Amino acid sequence: MTVKNRLRNKLIRLIQRLSTDKLTEVSAILNKIEQQFKSKENTLKLAGTWKEIDNELFSDLTDKLHFHRTSDRKIN
């Protein structure tokens, strides 16, 4: 039996002994963890979109961000 299967079986045995209240808490925690993973996946999907961006445009969006926010410039 693999480590993953042993851990899964141990968790199943522990969960089977929990009260309804504790099961509700565990469910909420698992949902929160799942949402964090989804958020991280969505964020990481965006990371690949930056690799093809022009260096000058990237610099304008990052290095010069503070300057652009504080300057009174005309927006096209």
N, C-alpha and C. Protein backbone atom coordinates (compact mmCIF):
# COMPACT_ATOMS: atom_id res chain seq x y z
N MET A 1 0.85 -1.18 0.00
CA MET A 1 0.00 0.00 0.00
C MET A 1 0.89 1.24 0.00
N THR A 2 0.55 2.21 -0.82
CA THR A 2 1.35 3.42 -0.93
C THR A 2 1.11 4.33 0.27
N VAL A 3 2.00 5.26 0.46
CA VAL A 3 1.87 6.23 1.56
C VAL A 3 0.57 7.02 1.40
N LYS A 4 0.27 7.39 0.16
CA LYS A 4 -0.95 8.15 -0.11
C LYS A 4 -2.19 7.36 0.31
N ASN A 5 -2.23 6.08 -0.04
CA ASN A 5 -3.38 5.25 0.32
C ASN A 5 -3.49 5.05 1.82
N ARG A 6 -2.34 4.86 2.49
CA ARG A 6 -2.36 4.71 3.95
C ARG A 6 -2.89 5.98 4.62
N LEU A 7 -2.43 7.11 4.15
CA LEU A 7 -2.89 8.38 4.70
C LEU A 7 -4.39 8.57 4.45
N ARG A 8 -4.82 8.26 3.24
CA ARG A 8 -6.24 8.40 2.90
C ARG A 8 -7.10 7.49 3.81
N ASN A 9 -6.67 6.25 4.00
CA ASN A 9 -7.42 5.32 4.85
C ASN A 9 -7.44 5.80 6.30
N LYS A 10 -6.32 6.33 6.78
CA LYS A 10 -6.27 6.85 8.15
C LYS A 10 -7.24 8.01 8.31
N LEU A 11 -7.25 8.91 7.33
CA LEU A 11 -8.17 10.06 7.40
C LEU A 11 -9.62 9.61 7.36
N ILE A 12 -9.91 8.62 6.53
CA ILE A 12 -11.28 8.11 6.45
C ILE A 12 -11.71 7.54 7.80
N ARG A 13 -10.83 6.77 8.45
CA ARG A 13 -11.16 6.22 9.77
C ARG A 13 -11.39 7.33 10.79
N LEU A 14 -10.55 8.35 10.77
CA LEU A 14 -10.73 9.47 11.70
C LEU A 14 -12.03 10.21 11.44
N ILE A 15 -12.34 10.44 10.18
CA ILE A 15 -13.56 11.16 9.81
C ILE A 15 -14.81 10.37 10.21
N GLN A 16 -14.75 9.07 10.09
CA GLN A 16 -15.90 8.24 10.44
C GLN A 16 -16.26 8.34 11.92
N ARG A 17 -15.30 8.70 12.77
CA ARG A 17 -15.54 8.80 14.20
C ARG A 17 -15.99 10.19 14.64
N LEU A 18 -15.99 11.15 13.75
CA LEU A 18 -16.34 12.53 14.11
C LEU A 18 -17.83 12.73 14.29
N SER A 19 -18.15 13.66 15.18
CA SER A 19 -19.56 14.04 15.36
C SER A 19 -20.00 14.89 14.17
N THR A 20 -21.29 15.12 14.08
CA THR A 20 -21.83 15.93 12.99
C THR A 20 -21.26 17.35 13.04
N ASP A 21 -21.14 17.91 14.24
CA ASP A 21 -20.58 19.26 14.37
C ASP A 21 -19.15 19.32 13.85
N LYS A 22 -18.37 18.33 14.24
CA LYS A 22 -16.97 18.31 13.80
C LYS A 22 -16.87 18.05 12.30
N LEU A 23 -17.77 17.24 11.75
CA LEU A 23 -17.78 17.00 10.31
C LEU A 23 -18.06 18.30 9.55
N THR A 24 -18.96 19.11 10.10
CA THR A 24 -19.26 20.39 9.49
C THR A 24 -18.03 21.29 9.49
N GLU A 25 -17.28 21.29 10.59
CA GLU A 25 -16.06 22.09 10.68
C GLU A 25 -15.01 21.60 9.68
N VAL A 26 -14.85 20.28 9.61
CA VAL A 26 -13.87 19.71 8.67
C VAL A 26 -14.26 20.05 7.23
N SER A 27 -15.53 19.97 6.93
CA SER A 27 -16.00 20.30 5.59
C SER A 27 -15.69 21.76 5.25
N ALA A 28 -15.92 22.66 6.20
CA ALA A 28 -15.64 24.08 5.97
C ALA A 28 -14.15 24.31 5.74
N ILE A 29 -13.32 23.63 6.51
CA ILE A 29 -11.87 23.77 6.35
C ILE A 29 -11.43 23.25 4.99
N LEU A 30 -11.96 22.10 4.58
CA LEU A 30 -11.60 21.54 3.28
C LEU A 30 -12.06 22.44 2.14
N ASN A 31 -13.24 23.03 2.28
CA ASN A 31 -13.73 23.97 1.26
C ASN A 31 -12.82 25.19 1.15
N LYS A 32 -12.36 25.67 2.30
CA LYS A 32 -11.46 26.82 2.31
C LYS A 32 -10.14 26.48 1.62
N ILE A 33 -9.61 25.32 1.92
CA ILE A 33 -8.36 24.87 1.29
C ILE A 33 -8.56 24.73 -0.22
N GLU A 34 -9.68 24.16 -0.62
CA GLU A 34 -9.97 23.99 -2.04
C GLU A 34 -10.05 25.33 -2.76
N GLN A 35 -10.67 26.33 -2.13
CA GLN A 35 -10.78 27.65 -2.72
C GLN A 35 -9.41 28.31 -2.86
N GLN A 36 -8.54 28.08 -1.87
CA GLN A 36 -7.19 28.62 -1.94
C GLN A 36 -6.43 28.02 -3.11
N PHE A 37 -6.60 26.73 -3.34
CA PHE A 37 -5.94 26.08 -4.47
C PHE A 37 -6.47 26.64 -5.79
N LYS A 38 -7.78 26.82 -5.88
CA LYS A 38 -8.36 27.36 -7.11
C LYS A 38 -7.84 28.77 -7.36
N SER A 39 -7.76 29.57 -6.31
CA SER A 39 -7.26 30.94 -6.44
C SER A 39 -5.80 30.93 -6.90
N LYS A 40 -5.02 30.05 -6.32
CA LYS A 40 -3.60 29.96 -6.69
C LYS A 40 -3.46 29.51 -8.14
N GLU A 41 -4.27 28.54 -8.56
CA GLU A 41 -4.21 28.07 -9.94
C GLU A 41 -4.56 29.18 -10.92
N ASN A 42 -5.59 29.94 -10.59
CA ASN A 42 -6.00 31.04 -11.46
C ASN A 42 -4.92 32.11 -11.54
N THR A 43 -4.28 32.38 -10.42
CA THR A 43 -3.20 33.36 -10.39
C THR A 43 -2.03 32.88 -11.23
N LEU A 44 -1.67 31.62 -11.07
CA LEU A 44 -0.54 31.07 -11.81
C LEU A 44 -0.83 31.01 -13.31
N LYS A 45 -2.09 30.83 -13.70
CA LYS A 45 -2.43 30.84 -15.12
C LYS A 45 -2.10 32.19 -15.74
N LEU A 46 -2.29 33.25 -14.98
CA LEU A 46 -1.99 34.59 -15.48
C LEU A 46 -0.49 34.82 -15.64
N ALA A 47 0.31 34.15 -14.86
CA ALA A 47 1.76 34.37 -14.88
C ALA A 47 2.33 34.11 -16.27
N GLY A 48 1.85 33.14 -16.98
CA GLY A 48 2.35 32.83 -18.30
C GLY A 48 2.06 33.89 -19.33
N THR A 49 1.07 34.72 -19.10
CA THR A 49 0.73 35.75 -20.07
C THR A 49 1.76 36.87 -20.11
N TRP A 50 2.58 36.99 -19.07
CA TRP A 50 3.57 38.06 -19.00
C TRP A 50 4.85 37.74 -19.76
N LYS A 51 5.09 36.49 -20.09
CA LYS A 51 6.37 36.14 -20.69
C LYS A 51 6.54 36.66 -22.11
N GLU A 52 5.46 36.98 -22.79
CA GLU A 52 5.53 37.47 -24.17
C GLU A 52 5.41 38.99 -24.27
N ILE A 53 5.31 39.67 -23.12
CA ILE A 53 5.10 41.11 -23.13
C ILE A 53 6.40 41.84 -23.50
N ASP A 54 6.24 42.92 -24.22
CA ASP A 54 7.36 43.76 -24.62
C ASP A 54 8.06 44.32 -23.38
N ASN A 55 9.40 44.32 -23.38
CA ASN A 55 10.17 44.78 -22.21
C ASN A 55 9.86 46.22 -21.84
N GLU A 56 9.71 47.07 -22.83
CA GLU A 56 9.42 48.48 -22.55
C GLU A 56 8.05 48.64 -21.89
N LEU A 57 7.07 47.91 -22.41
CA LEU A 57 5.73 47.97 -21.83
C LEU A 57 5.75 47.40 -20.40
N PHE A 58 6.45 46.31 -20.20
CA PHE A 58 6.55 45.72 -18.86
C PHE A 58 7.19 46.71 -17.89
N SER A 59 8.25 47.37 -18.33
CA SER A 59 8.91 48.38 -17.50
C SER A 59 7.95 49.51 -17.17
N ASP A 60 7.19 49.92 -18.16
CA ASP A 60 6.22 51.00 -17.98
C ASP A 60 5.16 50.60 -16.94
N LEU A 61 4.77 49.33 -16.96
CA LEU A 61 3.74 48.86 -16.03
C LEU A 61 4.27 48.60 -14.63
N THR A 62 5.56 48.35 -14.50
CA THR A 62 6.11 48.00 -13.18
C THR A 62 7.04 49.06 -12.63
N ASP A 63 8.18 49.25 -13.25
CA ASP A 63 9.20 50.16 -12.72
C ASP A 63 8.70 51.59 -12.64
N LYS A 64 7.89 52.01 -13.56
CA LYS A 64 7.44 53.39 -13.63
C LYS A 64 6.04 53.59 -13.05
N LEU A 65 5.53 52.57 -12.39
CA LEU A 65 4.17 52.61 -11.88
C LEU A 65 3.95 53.78 -10.92
N HIS A 66 4.83 53.91 -9.95
CA HIS A 66 4.68 54.98 -8.97
C HIS A 66 4.72 56.35 -9.65
N PHE A 67 5.64 56.53 -10.58
CA PHE A 67 5.74 57.80 -11.29
C PHE A 67 4.43 58.13 -12.01
N HIS A 68 3.89 57.14 -12.71
CA HIS A 68 2.66 57.37 -13.46
C HIS A 68 1.48 57.68 -12.56
N ARG A 69 1.45 57.06 -11.40
CA ARG A 69 0.34 57.30 -10.47
C ARG A 69 0.41 58.70 -9.87
N THR A 70 1.62 59.20 -9.69
CA THR A 70 1.74 60.50 -9.02
C THR A 70 1.80 61.67 -10.01
N SER A 71 2.07 61.38 -11.25
CA SER A 71 2.20 62.48 -12.22
C SER A 71 0.83 62.84 -12.79
N ASP A 72 0.73 64.07 -13.21
CA ASP A 72 -0.51 64.55 -13.83
C ASP A 72 -0.33 64.41 -15.32
N ARG A 73 -0.62 63.22 -15.85
CA ARG A 73 -0.37 62.98 -17.26
C ARG A 73 -1.70 62.77 -18.00
N LYS A 74 -1.66 63.03 -19.25
CA LYS A 74 -2.85 62.86 -20.08
C LYS A 74 -2.94 61.37 -20.48
N ILE A 75 -4.12 60.82 -20.33
CA ILE A 75 -4.35 59.43 -20.69
C ILE A 75 -4.98 59.38 -22.07
N ASN A 76 -4.40 58.54 -22.93
CA ASN A 76 -4.89 58.41 -24.32
C ASN A 76 -6.22 57.72 -24.38
